[in-house]
Amino acid sequence: MLRWFEENGRNSDVVISGKVRLARNINGYNFSLKLASEDAKIMIADVLSKLSNLEEFKDYSIFQFKDLDDCQKTAMKERHVISDFLLRQDTAAGLVSSDENISIMLNEEDHIRIQAYVSGMDIEKAFEYADNVDNVIGKCLDYSYDEKYGYLTTCPSNVGTGMRASYMLHLPALTGSGKIAGLAMEVGRFGLVLKSLGIDNSNYGDIYQVTNQYTLGKSEKEILDNLTNITAQIVKQERTLRKQYISQKRLSAQDTVYRAYGVLKYARKVSLKDGMLLLSQLRLGLAEHLIQPSSDVDVSVYQLMIGILPANLQMMSSAEMTAEDIDVARAQFIRDNIPLIQ
């Protein structure tokens, strides 16, 4: 079974994935930020004891931070199984579906964070997945809920539905044209946030996330419809700029893509910066048919972007790797997985 980042969905030329995340807390416990370590362990044990035997979660894997080393936890974060916040927690646990498209994080910023990913532009399906899991959990746990305000959460901006919905986007044309800053200000007028998902304050892969900022006073449908409508406008702008660039400088654009492919296919050492930059160029080239794969297999370049991250590369090795070893392993991983071209 493919994971969401191993396949391409609707509008995948621009939209990498959709995600819905639900924040929930349990009555009888302090919020996570005020929850003592021992109480957190009790809360986690209580939740796992009630969820682990449910038929709906029979194919899920249970993880406990006390059983994982730093590399294993970081690799999960790189694959989007867990959040940055959970990674920083000393006491945490959760459940993950067999395809890693759905995860339930325990002792995140809230007691429970349910997240569901889908490839491409299909946020309704992501919501359906998350909502189904939420309904199952809600039947056996006493959620903190107020008739007037909705679900009570640690962060006031999550009060209400407790839902954050987002799309992950590949925006090389908007980035290259310098229009990202203005676009971020524009989407802010509609209650959304557009932010870079780059590594170490850099965005060599041209990957961004657009997400809702508030939930109070809005229904799930209103949030999803607003996100989808604004994202559709971003997709339109990105495609327009791509067409303009390619129509004016097709040979240069094609040359850039083929050069990127050549380095990726034959290099023996690749830094993370170079890998993300070159894979971004390759992804654009494949999406715009500047370069043709030799088979009809639909290749997800974002899968390669995840695979070249340090912790996931380390997980493939039986020995501790130096920084240079990781660069060598990154080049090997790309050579082994990059699609062949005509």
C-alpha atoms as a PDB file:
ATOM      1  CA  MET A   1       0.000   0.000   0.000  1.00  0.00           C
ATOM      2  CA  LEU A   2       1.409   3.359  -1.060  1.00  0.00           C
ATOM      3  CA  ARG A   3       1.923   6.165   1.414  1.00  0.00           C
ATOM      4  CA  TRP A   4       0.516   9.581   0.502  1.00  0.00           C
ATOM      5  CA  PHE A   5       3.906  10.973  -0.516  1.00  0.00           C
ATOM      6  CA  GLU A   6       4.578   8.014  -2.814  1.00  0.00           C
ATOM      7  CA  GLU A   7       1.734   8.880  -5.187  1.00  0.00           C
ATOM      8  CA  ASN A   8       0.386  11.870  -7.075  1.00  0.00           C
ATOM      9  CA  GLY A   9      -3.178  13.105  -6.693  1.00  0.00           C
ATOM     10  CA  ARG A  10      -5.408  15.722  -8.271  1.00  0.00           C
ATOM     11  CA  ASN A  11      -3.593  18.923  -9.320  1.00  0.00           C
ATOM     12  CA  SER A  12      -0.343  17.292  -8.222  1.00  0.00           C
ATOM     13  CA  ASP A  13       1.666  19.527 -10.538  1.00  0.00           C
ATOM     14  CA  VAL A  14       1.273  22.182  -7.812  1.00  0.00           C
ATOM     15  CA  VAL A  15      -0.512  20.534  -4.862  1.00  0.00           C
ATOM     16  CA  ILE A  16       1.586  17.891  -3.127  1.00  0.00           C
ATOM     17  CA  SER A  17      -0.851  16.977  -0.362  1.00  0.00           C
ATOM     18  CA  GLY A  18      -3.783  17.944   1.799  1.00  0.00           C
ATOM     19  CA  LYS A  19      -3.843  17.517   5.562  1.00  0.00           C
ATOM     20  CA  VAL A  20      -6.505  17.801   8.240  1.00  0.00           C
ATOM     21  CA  ARG A  21      -5.481  17.936  11.894  1.00  0.00           C
ATOM     22  CA  LEU A  22      -7.892  17.787  14.813  1.00  0.00           C
ATOM     23  CA  ALA A  23      -6.962  18.943  18.332  1.00  0.00           C
ATOM     24  CA  ARG A  24      -8.695  17.263  21.254  1.00  0.00           C
ATOM     25  CA  ASN A  25      -8.288  17.254  25.039  1.00  0.00           C
ATOM     26  CA  ILE A  26      -9.601  14.878  27.675  1.00  0.00           C
ATOM     27  CA  ASN A  27     -11.527  15.929  30.759  1.00  0.00           C
ATOM     28  CA  GLY A  28      -9.753  15.222  34.036  1.00  0.00           C
ATOM     29  CA  TYR A  29      -6.234  16.192  32.917  1.00  0.00           C
ATOM     30  CA  ASN A  30      -4.425  19.518  32.731  1.00  0.00           C
ATOM     31  CA  PHE A  31      -3.617  20.709  29.231  1.00  0.00           C
ATOM     32  CA  SER A  32      -0.348  19.250  27.956  1.00  0.00           C
ATOM     33  CA  LEU A  33       1.679  22.416  28.614  1.00  0.00           C
ATOM     34  CA  LYS A  34       0.676  22.184  32.308  1.00  0.00           C
ATOM     35  CA  LEU A  35       0.683  18.399  32.513  1.00  0.00           C
ATOM     36  CA  ALA A  36       3.321  16.911  34.826  1.00  0.00           C
ATOM     37  CA  SER A  37       5.429  14.113  33.379  1.00  0.00           C
ATOM     38  CA  GLU A  38       3.894  11.408  35.548  1.00  0.00           C
ATOM     39  CA  ASP A  39       0.380  12.600  34.741  1.00  0.00           C
ATOM     40  CA  ALA A  40       1.274  12.589  31.039  1.00  0.00           C
ATOM     41  CA  LYS A  41       2.341   8.960  31.342  1.00  0.00           C
ATOM     42  CA  ILE A  42      -0.945   8.106  33.052  1.00  0.00           C
ATOM     43  CA  MET A  43      -2.936   9.914  30.367  1.00  0.00           C
ATOM     44  CA  ILE A  44      -1.047   8.137  27.583  1.00  0.00           C
ATOM     45  CA  ALA A  45      -1.488   4.728  29.207  1.00  0.00           C
ATOM     46  CA  ASP A  46      -5.200   5.408  29.674  1.00  0.00           C
ATOM     47  CA  VAL A  47      -5.711   6.404  26.035  1.00  0.00           C
ATOM     48  CA  LEU A  48      -3.655   3.544  24.609  1.00  0.00           C
ATOM     49  CA  SER A  49      -5.450   0.981  26.768  1.00  0.00           C
ATOM     50  CA  LYS A  50      -8.788   2.145  25.354  1.00  0.00           C
ATOM     51  CA  LEU A  51      -7.741   2.510  21.717  1.00  0.00           C
ATOM     52  CA  SER A  52      -5.323  -0.363  21.160  1.00  0.00           C
ATOM     53  CA  ASN A  53      -8.033  -3.048  21.365  1.00  0.00           C
ATOM     54  CA  LEU A  54     -10.519  -1.336  19.067  1.00  0.00           C
ATOM     55  CA  GLU A  55     -11.219  -3.064  15.748  1.00  0.00           C
ATOM     56  CA  GLU A  56     -10.780   0.231  13.884  1.00  0.00           C
ATOM     57  CA  PHE A  57      -7.128   0.420  14.961  1.00  0.00           C
ATOM     58  CA  LYS A  58      -6.132  -3.223  14.568  1.00  0.00           C
ATOM     59  CA  ASP A  59      -3.790  -2.393  11.670  1.00  0.00           C
ATOM     60  CA  TYR A  60      -2.230   0.627  13.393  1.00  0.00           C
ATOM     61  CA  SER A  61       1.225   0.543  14.976  1.00  0.00           C
ATOM     62  CA  ILE A  62       1.760   1.927  18.461  1.00  0.00           C
ATOM     63  CA  PHE A  63       4.864   4.007  19.181  1.00  0.00           C
ATOM     64  CA  GLN A  64       6.195   5.194  22.539  1.00  0.00           C
ATOM     65  CA  PHE A  65       8.972   7.764  22.725  1.00  0.00           C
ATOM     66  CA  LYS A  66      10.577   5.840  25.592  1.00  0.00           C
ATOM     67  CA  ASP A  67      11.224   3.005  23.123  1.00  0.00           C
ATOM     68  CA  LEU A  68      12.640   5.171  20.312  1.00  0.00           C
ATOM     69  CA  ASP A  69      16.017   6.825  19.823  1.00  0.00           C
ATOM     70  CA  ASP A  70      16.433  10.377  18.518  1.00  0.00           C
ATOM     71  CA  CYS A  71      17.083   9.222  14.949  1.00  0.00           C
ATOM     72  CA  GLN A  72      13.906   7.133  14.829  1.00  0.00           C
ATOM     73  CA  LYS A  73      11.820  10.017  16.141  1.00  0.00           C
ATOM     74  CA  THR A  74      13.386  12.505  13.735  1.00  0.00           C
ATOM     75  CA  ALA A  75      12.793  10.151  10.806  1.00  0.00           C
ATOM     76  CA  MET A  76       9.111  10.005  11.756  1.00  0.00           C
ATOM     77  CA  LYS A  77       8.993  13.791  11.778  1.00  0.00           C
ATOM     78  CA  GLU A  78      10.701  13.920   8.359  1.00  0.00           C
ATOM     79  CA  ARG A  79       7.979  11.619   6.984  1.00  0.00           C
ATOM     80  CA  HIS A  80       5.305  13.867   8.598  1.00  0.00           C
ATOM     81  CA  VAL A  81       4.133  11.045  10.877  1.00  0.00           C
ATOM     82  CA  ILE A  82       4.670  13.259  13.924  1.00  0.00           C
ATOM     83  CA  SER A  83       4.899  17.016  14.395  1.00  0.00           C
ATOM     84  CA  ASP A  84       7.805  19.277  15.334  1.00  0.00           C
ATOM     85  CA  PHE A  85       6.073  19.904  18.650  1.00  0.00           C
ATOM     86  CA  LEU A  86       5.764  16.215  19.490  1.00  0.00           C
ATOM     87  CA  LEU A  87       9.403  15.679  18.564  1.00  0.00           C
ATOM     88  CA  ARG A  88      10.376  18.131  21.321  1.00  0.00           C
ATOM     89  CA  GLN A  89       8.329  16.317  23.964  1.00  0.00           C
ATOM     90  CA  ASP A  90      10.069  13.983  26.408  1.00  0.00           C
ATOM     91  CA  THR A  91       6.906  11.977  27.080  1.00  0.00           C
ATOM     92  CA  ALA A  92       4.816  11.102  24.035  1.00  0.00           C
ATOM     93  CA  ALA A  93       3.231   8.229  22.170  1.00  0.00           C
ATOM     94  CA  GLY A  94       0.728   7.509  19.447  1.00  0.00           C
ATOM     95  CA  LEU A  95      -0.754   5.253  16.814  1.00  0.00           C
ATOM     96  CA  VAL A  96       0.032   5.216  13.088  1.00  0.00           C
ATOM     97  CA  SER A  97      -1.877   3.575  10.252  1.00  0.00           C
ATOM     98  CA  SER A  98      -0.035   0.957   8.207  1.00  0.00           C
ATOM     99  CA  ASP A  99       0.314   3.362   5.260  1.00  0.00           C
ATOM    100  CA  GLU A 100       1.298   6.258   7.579  1.00  0.00           C
ATOM    101  CA  ASN A 101      -1.470   8.417   6.106  1.00  0.00           C
ATOM    102  CA  ILE A 102      -3.171   8.758   9.495  1.00  0.00           C
ATOM    103  CA  SER A 103      -1.530   9.282  12.864  1.00  0.00           C
ATOM    104  CA  ILE A 104      -2.812   9.895  16.383  1.00  0.00           C
ATOM    105  CA  MET A 105      -0.312  11.816  18.526  1.00  0.00           C
ATOM    106  CA  LEU A 106      -0.582  11.756  22.323  1.00  0.00           C
ATOM    107  CA  ASN A 107       0.715  14.586  24.541  1.00  0.00           C
ATOM    108  CA  GLU A 108       1.285  17.015  21.730  1.00  0.00           C
ATOM    109  CA  GLU A 109       0.276  20.650  22.346  1.00  0.00           C
ATOM    110  CA  ASP A 110      -3.104  19.066  23.123  1.00  0.00           C
ATOM    111  CA  HIS A 111      -3.678  15.630  24.617  1.00  0.00           C
ATOM    112  CA  ILE A 112      -4.647  14.192  21.248  1.00  0.00           C
ATOM    113  CA  ARG A 113      -3.785  15.366  17.767  1.00  0.00           C
ATOM    114  CA  ILE A 114      -5.358  13.405  14.918  1.00  0.00           C
ATOM    115  CA  GLN A 115      -3.882  14.074  11.490  1.00  0.00           C
ATOM    116  CA  ALA A 116      -4.757  12.657   8.076  1.00  0.00           C
ATOM    117  CA  TYR A 117      -2.864  13.169   4.807  1.00  0.00           C
ATOM    118  CA  VAL A 118      -3.941  12.622   1.210  1.00  0.00           C
ATOM    119  CA  SER A 119      -1.952  13.170  -1.960  1.00  0.00           C
ATOM    120  CA  GLY A 120      -2.992  16.032  -4.211  1.00  0.00           C
ATOM    121  CA  MET A 121      -5.907  18.419  -3.831  1.00  0.00           C
ATOM    122  CA  ASP A 122      -8.563  16.432  -1.965  1.00  0.00           C
ATOM    123  CA  ILE A 123      -8.959  17.979   1.469  1.00  0.00           C
ATOM    124  CA  GLU A 124     -12.472  16.536   1.803  1.00  0.00           C
ATOM    125  CA  LYS A 125     -11.046  13.016   1.822  1.00  0.00           C
ATOM    126  CA  ALA A 126      -8.455  13.999   4.440  1.00  0.00           C
ATOM    127  CA  PHE A 127     -11.260  15.409   6.585  1.00  0.00           C
ATOM    128  CA  GLU A 128     -13.295  12.224   6.146  1.00  0.00           C
ATOM    129  CA  TYR A 129     -10.357  10.129   7.369  1.00  0.00           C
ATOM    130  CA  ALA A 130      -9.681  12.371  10.373  1.00  0.00           C
ATOM    131  CA  ASP A 131     -13.363  12.729  11.242  1.00  0.00           C
ATOM    132  CA  ASN A 132     -13.903   8.957  11.211  1.00  0.00           C
ATOM    133  CA  VAL A 133     -10.994   8.457  13.605  1.00  0.00           C
ATOM    134  CA  ASP A 134     -12.266  11.303  15.794  1.00  0.00           C
ATOM    135  CA  ASN A 135     -15.723   9.730  16.034  1.00  0.00           C
ATOM    136  CA  VAL A 136     -14.251   6.394  17.104  1.00  0.00           C
ATOM    137  CA  ILE A 137     -12.073   7.982  19.791  1.00  0.00           C
ATOM    138  CA  GLY A 138     -14.876  10.274  20.974  1.00  0.00           C
ATOM    139  CA  LYS A 139     -17.030   7.256  21.829  1.00  0.00           C
ATOM    140  CA  CYS A 140     -14.554   5.947  24.404  1.00  0.00           C
ATOM    141  CA  LEU A 141     -12.955   9.146  25.735  1.00  0.00           C
ATOM    142  CA  ASP A 142     -14.534  12.163  27.438  1.00  0.00           C
ATOM    143  CA  TYR A 143     -13.497  15.117  25.282  1.00  0.00           C
ATOM    144  CA  SER A 144     -13.268  18.630  26.736  1.00  0.00           C
ATOM    145  CA  TYR A 145     -16.167  20.352  24.989  1.00  0.00           C
ATOM    146  CA  ASP A 146     -18.217  23.457  25.645  1.00  0.00           C
ATOM    147  CA  GLU A 147     -21.682  23.921  24.147  1.00  0.00           C
ATOM    148  CA  LYS A 148     -20.958  27.578  23.378  1.00  0.00           C
ATOM    149  CA  TYR A 149     -17.302  27.512  22.307  1.00  0.00           C
ATOM    150  CA  GLY A 150     -16.832  23.991  20.978  1.00  0.00           C
ATOM    151  CA  TYR A 151     -13.725  21.873  21.580  1.00  0.00           C
ATOM    152  CA  LEU A 152     -11.462  23.389  24.242  1.00  0.00           C
ATOM    153  CA  THR A 153      -7.812  23.529  23.267  1.00  0.00           C
ATOM    154  CA  THR A 154      -4.482  24.729  24.627  1.00  0.00           C
ATOM    155  CA  CYS A 155      -4.161  27.441  21.965  1.00  0.00           C
ATOM    156  CA  PRO A 156      -7.147  29.845  21.770  1.00  0.00           C
ATOM    157  CA  SER A 157      -6.900  29.968  17.966  1.00  0.00           C
ATOM    158  CA  ASN A 158      -7.847  26.270  17.852  1.00  0.00           C
ATOM    159  CA  VAL A 159     -10.957  26.594  20.032  1.00  0.00           C
ATOM    160  CA  GLY A 160     -14.145  25.711  18.156  1.00  0.00           C
ATOM    161  CA  THR A 161     -13.774  22.917  15.650  1.00  0.00           C
ATOM    162  CA  GLY A 162     -10.202  22.306  16.804  1.00  0.00           C
ATOM    163  CA  MET A 163      -9.400  21.777  13.131  1.00  0.00           C
ATOM    164  CA  ARG A 164      -6.471  22.949  11.052  1.00  0.00           C
ATOM    165  CA  ALA A 165      -6.659  22.129   7.362  1.00  0.00           C
ATOM    166  CA  SER A 166      -3.757  22.722   5.015  1.00  0.00           C
ATOM    167  CA  TYR A 167      -2.364  22.116   1.575  1.00  0.00           C
ATOM    168  CA  MET A 168       1.308  21.555   0.824  1.00  0.00           C
ATOM    169  CA  LEU A 169       2.265  23.316  -2.409  1.00  0.00           C
ATOM    170  CA  HIS A 170       5.203  23.337  -4.821  1.00  0.00           C
ATOM    171  CA  LEU A 171       5.577  26.964  -5.939  1.00  0.00           C
ATOM    172  CA  PRO A 172       8.840  27.391  -7.901  1.00  0.00           C
ATOM    173  CA  ALA A 173       7.417  29.990 -10.323  1.00  0.00           C
ATOM    174  CA  LEU A 174       5.897  32.178  -7.613  1.00  0.00           C
ATOM    175  CA  THR A 175       9.125  31.875  -5.634  1.00  0.00           C
ATOM    176  CA  GLY A 176      11.351  32.689  -8.598  1.00  0.00           C
ATOM    177  CA  SER A 177       9.248  35.698  -9.565  1.00  0.00           C
ATOM    178  CA  GLY A 178       9.479  37.165  -6.048  1.00  0.00           C
ATOM    179  CA  LYS A 179       5.709  37.182  -5.591  1.00  0.00           C
ATOM    180  CA  ILE A 180       5.534  34.942  -2.513  1.00  0.00           C
ATOM    181  CA  ALA A 181       5.655  37.756   0.069  1.00  0.00           C
ATOM    182  CA  GLY A 182       2.787  39.610  -1.581  1.00  0.00           C
ATOM    183  CA  LEU A 183       0.808  36.400  -1.929  1.00  0.00           C
ATOM    184  CA  ALA A 184       1.253  35.630   1.776  1.00  0.00           C
ATOM    185  CA  MET A 185      -0.175  39.049   2.666  1.00  0.00           C
ATOM    186  CA  GLU A 186      -3.082  38.532   0.277  1.00  0.00           C
ATOM    187  CA  VAL A 187      -4.151  35.130   1.660  1.00  0.00           C
ATOM    188  CA  GLY A 188      -3.935  36.577   5.171  1.00  0.00           C
ATOM    189  CA  ARG A 189      -6.958  38.714   4.320  1.00  0.00           C
ATOM    190  CA  PHE A 190      -8.957  35.486   4.054  1.00  0.00           C
ATOM    191  CA  GLY A 191      -7.898  34.076   7.416  1.00  0.00           C
ATOM    192  CA  LEU A 192      -5.175  31.858   5.993  1.00  0.00           C
ATOM    193  CA  VAL A 193      -1.420  31.619   6.520  1.00  0.00           C
ATOM    194  CA  LEU A 194       1.086  30.853   3.759  1.00  0.00           C
ATOM    195  CA  LYS A 195       4.463  29.781   5.107  1.00  0.00           C
ATOM    196  CA  SER A 196       7.633  28.150   3.887  1.00  0.00           C
ATOM    197  CA  LEU A 197       8.302  24.522   4.777  1.00  0.00           C
ATOM    198  CA  GLY A 198      11.993  24.886   4.072  1.00  0.00           C
ATOM    199  CA  ILE A 199      14.707  23.360   6.221  1.00  0.00           C
ATOM    200  CA  ASP A 200      16.972  25.509   8.423  1.00  0.00           C
ATOM    201  CA  ASN A 201      15.179  28.738   7.414  1.00  0.00           C
ATOM    202  CA  SER A 202      15.831  28.042   3.721  1.00  0.00           C
ATOM    203  CA  ASN A 203      13.439  26.835   1.050  1.00  0.00           C
ATOM    204  CA  TYR A 204      15.554  25.257  -1.652  1.00  0.00           C
ATOM    205  CA  GLY A 205      12.679  22.925  -2.550  1.00  0.00           C
ATOM    206  CA  ASP A 206      10.112  25.727  -3.061  1.00  0.00           C
ATOM    207  CA  ILE A 207       7.649  23.941  -0.741  1.00  0.00           C
ATOM    208  CA  TYR A 208       4.972  25.930   1.104  1.00  0.00           C
ATOM    209  CA  GLN A 209       1.962  25.286   3.308  1.00  0.00           C
ATOM    210  CA  VAL A 210      -1.312  27.218   3.262  1.00  0.00           C
ATOM    211  CA  THR A 211      -3.530  26.684   6.301  1.00  0.00           C
ATOM    212  CA  ASN A 212      -6.459  28.197   8.174  1.00  0.00           C
ATOM    213  CA  GLN A 213      -5.563  30.538  11.045  1.00  0.00           C
ATOM    214  CA  TYR A 214      -8.707  30.412  13.199  1.00  0.00           C
ATOM    215  CA  THR A 215     -11.463  27.898  13.938  1.00  0.00           C
ATOM    216  CA  LEU A 216     -13.803  29.600  16.422  1.00  0.00           C
ATOM    217  CA  GLY A 217     -17.160  30.529  14.938  1.00  0.00           C
ATOM    218  CA  LYS A 218     -16.592  28.591  11.717  1.00  0.00           C
ATOM    219  CA  SER A 219     -17.861  25.185  10.687  1.00  0.00           C
ATOM    220  CA  GLU A 220     -15.602  22.509   9.253  1.00  0.00           C
ATOM    221  CA  LYS A 221     -17.219  22.987   5.834  1.00  0.00           C
ATOM    222  CA  GLU A 222     -16.619  26.741   5.873  1.00  0.00           C
ATOM    223  CA  ILE A 223     -12.958  26.217   6.751  1.00  0.00           C
ATOM    224  CA  LEU A 224     -12.449  23.579   4.054  1.00  0.00           C
ATOM    225  CA  ASP A 225     -14.297  25.540   1.369  1.00  0.00           C
ATOM    226  CA  ASN A 226     -12.334  28.713   2.107  1.00  0.00           C
ATOM    227  CA  LEU A 227      -9.021  26.851   2.014  1.00  0.00           C
ATOM    228  CA  THR A 228      -9.878  25.067  -1.227  1.00  0.00           C
ATOM    229  CA  ASN A 229     -11.076  28.242  -2.971  1.00  0.00           C
ATOM    230  CA  ILE A 230      -7.960  30.230  -2.070  1.00  0.00           C
ATOM    231  CA  THR A 231      -5.661  27.316  -2.908  1.00  0.00           C
ATOM    232  CA  ALA A 232      -7.314  27.048  -6.334  1.00  0.00           C
ATOM    233  CA  GLN A 233      -6.378  30.700  -6.943  1.00  0.00           C
ATOM    234  CA  ILE A 234      -2.777  30.038  -5.883  1.00  0.00           C
ATOM    235  CA  VAL A 235      -2.616  27.050  -8.236  1.00  0.00           C
ATOM    236  CA  LYS A 236      -3.909  29.234 -11.059  1.00  0.00           C
ATOM    237  CA  GLN A 237      -1.280  31.914 -10.403  1.00  0.00           C
ATOM    238  CA  GLU A 238       1.537  29.354 -10.222  1.00  0.00           C
ATOM    239  CA  ARG A 239       0.487  27.722 -13.478  1.00  0.00           C
ATOM    240  CA  THR A 240       0.192  31.086 -15.242  1.00  0.00           C
ATOM    241  CA  LEU A 241       3.707  32.081 -14.210  1.00  0.00           C
ATOM    242  CA  ARG A 242       5.085  28.690 -15.243  1.00  0.00           C
ATOM    243  CA  LYS A 243       3.546  29.027 -18.706  1.00  0.00           C
ATOM    244  CA  GLN A 244       4.872  32.553 -19.097  1.00  0.00           C
ATOM    245  CA  TYR A 245       8.386  31.491 -18.117  1.00  0.00           C
ATOM    246  CA  ILE A 246       8.407  28.433 -20.364  1.00  0.00           C
ATOM    247  CA  SER A 247       6.911  30.237 -23.362  1.00  0.00           C
ATOM    248  CA  GLN A 248       9.534  32.989 -23.107  1.00  0.00           C
ATOM    249  CA  LYS A 249      12.550  30.840 -22.170  1.00  0.00           C
ATOM    250  CA  ARG A 250      11.694  27.262 -23.064  1.00  0.00           C
ATOM    251  CA  LEU A 251      15.215  26.242 -24.057  1.00  0.00           C
ATOM    252  CA  SER A 252      16.729  27.710 -20.880  1.00  0.00           C
ATOM    253  CA  ALA A 253      14.027  26.085 -18.755  1.00  0.00           C
ATOM    254  CA  GLN A 254      14.589  22.728 -20.427  1.00  0.00           C
ATOM    255  CA  ASP A 255      18.353  23.047 -20.083  1.00  0.00           C
ATOM    256  CA  THR A 256      18.002  23.740 -16.347  1.00  0.00           C
ATOM    257  CA  VAL A 257      15.897  20.615 -15.886  1.00  0.00           C
ATOM    258  CA  TYR A 258      18.236  18.358 -17.873  1.00  0.00           C
ATOM    259  CA  ARG A 259      21.265  19.705 -15.991  1.00  0.00           C
ATOM    260  CA  ALA A 260      19.476  18.992 -12.710  1.00  0.00           C
ATOM    261  CA  TYR A 261      18.697  15.469 -13.882  1.00  0.00           C
ATOM    262  CA  GLY A 262      22.297  14.894 -14.936  1.00  0.00           C
ATOM    263  CA  VAL A 263      23.674  15.864 -11.532  1.00  0.00           C
ATOM    264  CA  LEU A 264      21.053  13.841  -9.679  1.00  0.00           C
ATOM    265  CA  LYS A 265      21.612  10.776 -11.853  1.00  0.00           C
ATOM    266  CA  TYR A 266      25.410  10.706 -11.739  1.00  0.00           C
ATOM    267  CA  ALA A 267      26.666  12.644  -8.701  1.00  0.00           C
ATOM    268  CA  ARG A 268      28.462  10.654  -5.985  1.00  0.00           C
ATOM    269  CA  LYS A 269      27.906  13.215  -3.210  1.00  0.00           C
ATOM    270  CA  VAL A 270      24.857  15.460  -2.834  1.00  0.00           C
ATOM    271  CA  SER A 271      24.236  17.960  -0.046  1.00  0.00           C
ATOM    272  CA  LEU A 272      20.718  18.425   1.305  1.00  0.00           C
ATOM    273  CA  LYS A 273      20.600  21.945  -0.157  1.00  0.00           C
ATOM    274  CA  ASP A 274      21.600  20.763  -3.629  1.00  0.00           C
ATOM    275  CA  GLY A 275      19.337  17.748  -3.461  1.00  0.00           C
ATOM    276  CA  MET A 276      16.237  19.781  -2.624  1.00  0.00           C
ATOM    277  CA  LEU A 277      17.032  22.453  -5.220  1.00  0.00           C
ATOM    278  CA  LEU A 278      17.685  19.955  -8.014  1.00  0.00           C
ATOM    279  CA  LEU A 279      14.664  17.805  -7.168  1.00  0.00           C
ATOM    280  CA  SER A 280      12.492  20.931  -7.191  1.00  0.00           C
ATOM    281  CA  GLN A 281      13.743  21.676 -10.706  1.00  0.00           C
ATOM    282  CA  LEU A 282      13.142  18.075 -11.767  1.00  0.00           C
ATOM    283  CA  ARG A 283       9.622  18.090 -10.314  1.00  0.00           C
ATOM    284  CA  LEU A 284       8.804  21.238 -12.268  1.00  0.00           C
ATOM    285  CA  GLY A 285      10.281  19.743 -15.445  1.00  0.00           C
ATOM    286  CA  LEU A 286       8.225  16.562 -15.166  1.00  0.00           C
ATOM    287  CA  ALA A 287       5.037  18.474 -14.350  1.00  0.00           C
ATOM    288  CA  GLU A 288       5.469  20.791 -17.339  1.00  0.00           C
ATOM    289  CA  HIS A 289       6.677  18.019 -19.689  1.00  0.00           C
ATOM    290  CA  LEU A 290      10.057  19.640 -20.218  1.00  0.00           C
ATOM    291  CA  ILE A 291      11.548  16.214 -19.602  1.00  0.00           C
ATOM    292  CA  GLN A 292       9.867  12.885 -20.340  1.00  0.00           C
ATOM    293  CA  PRO A 293      10.096   9.722 -18.221  1.00  0.00           C
ATOM    294  CA  SER A 294      10.830   6.549 -20.183  1.00  0.00           C
ATOM    295  CA  SER A 295       7.797   4.725 -18.765  1.00  0.00           C
ATOM    296  CA  ASP A 296       4.196   5.493 -17.898  1.00  0.00           C
ATOM    297  CA  VAL A 297       4.892   5.034 -14.184  1.00  0.00           C
ATOM    298  CA  ASP A 298       3.670   8.095 -12.261  1.00  0.00           C
ATOM    299  CA  VAL A 299       6.671   9.071 -10.126  1.00  0.00           C
ATOM    300  CA  SER A 300       6.291  11.200  -6.998  1.00  0.00           C
ATOM    301  CA  VAL A 301       9.373  13.408  -6.765  1.00  0.00           C
ATOM    302  CA  TYR A 302       8.291  14.495  -3.297  1.00  0.00           C
ATOM    303  CA  GLN A 303       8.933  10.913  -2.229  1.00  0.00           C
ATOM    304  CA  LEU A 304      12.587  11.510  -3.129  1.00  0.00           C
ATOM    305  CA  MET A 305      12.579  14.797  -1.206  1.00  0.00           C
ATOM    306  CA  ILE A 306      11.545  12.930   1.921  1.00  0.00           C
ATOM    307  CA  GLY A 307      13.931  10.058   1.271  1.00  0.00           C
ATOM    308  CA  ILE A 308      17.011  12.300   1.141  1.00  0.00           C
ATOM    309  CA  LEU A 309      16.434  13.806   4.585  1.00  0.00           C
ATOM    310  CA  PRO A 310      19.219  12.919   7.049  1.00  0.00           C
ATOM    311  CA  ALA A 311      17.402  10.784   9.620  1.00  0.00           C
ATOM    312  CA  ASN A 312      15.668   8.650   7.011  1.00  0.00           C
ATOM    313  CA  LEU A 313      19.009   8.077   5.268  1.00  0.00           C
ATOM    314  CA  GLN A 314      20.557   7.132   8.611  1.00  0.00           C
ATOM    315  CA  MET A 315      17.714   4.674   9.234  1.00  0.00           C
ATOM    316  CA  MET A 316      18.698   2.821   6.055  1.00  0.00           C
ATOM    317  CA  SER A 317      22.227   2.274   7.353  1.00  0.00           C
ATOM    318  CA  SER A 318      23.335  -0.244   9.943  1.00  0.00           C
ATOM    319  CA  ALA A 319      26.207   2.011  11.063  1.00  0.00           C
ATOM    320  CA  GLU A 320      26.497   5.566  12.366  1.00  0.00           C
ATOM    321  CA  MET A 321      27.162   7.956   9.469  1.00  0.00           C
ATOM    322  CA  THR A 322      29.264  11.109   9.273  1.00  0.00           C
ATOM    323  CA  ALA A 323      28.039  14.197   7.420  1.00  0.00           C
ATOM    324  CA  GLU A 324      30.014  13.093   4.356  1.00  0.00           C
ATOM    325  CA  ASP A 325      28.598   9.565   4.610  1.00  0.00           C
ATOM    326  CA  ILE A 326      25.097  11.038   4.539  1.00  0.00           C
ATOM    327  CA  ASP A 327      25.908  13.080   1.419  1.00  0.00           C
ATOM    328  CA  VAL A 328      27.196   9.903  -0.259  1.00  0.00           C
ATOM    329  CA  ALA A 329      24.112   7.931   0.849  1.00  0.00           C
ATOM    330  CA  ARG A 330      21.868  10.736  -0.418  1.00  0.00           C
ATOM    331  CA  ALA A 331      23.436  10.567  -3.878  1.00  0.00           C
ATOM    332  CA  GLN A 332      23.090   6.779  -3.910  1.00  0.00           C
ATOM    333  CA  PHE A 333      19.433   6.953  -2.846  1.00  0.00           C
ATOM    334  CA  ILE A 334      18.674   9.412  -5.640  1.00  0.00           C
ATOM    335  CA  ARG A 335      20.497   7.334  -8.268  1.00  0.00           C
ATOM    336  CA  ASP A 336      18.580   4.240  -7.180  1.00  0.00           C
ATOM    337  CA  ASN A 337      15.156   5.891  -7.245  1.00  0.00           C
ATOM    338  CA  ILE A 338      15.191   8.667  -9.832  1.00  0.00           C
ATOM    339  CA  PRO A 339      12.990   7.887 -12.866  1.00  0.00           C
ATOM    340  CA  LEU A 340      14.662   7.059 -16.132  1.00  0.00           C
ATOM    341  CA  ILE A 341      14.093   9.581 -18.931  1.00  0.00           C
ATOM    342  CA  GLN A 342      13.734   9.242 -22.669  1.00  0.00           C
END
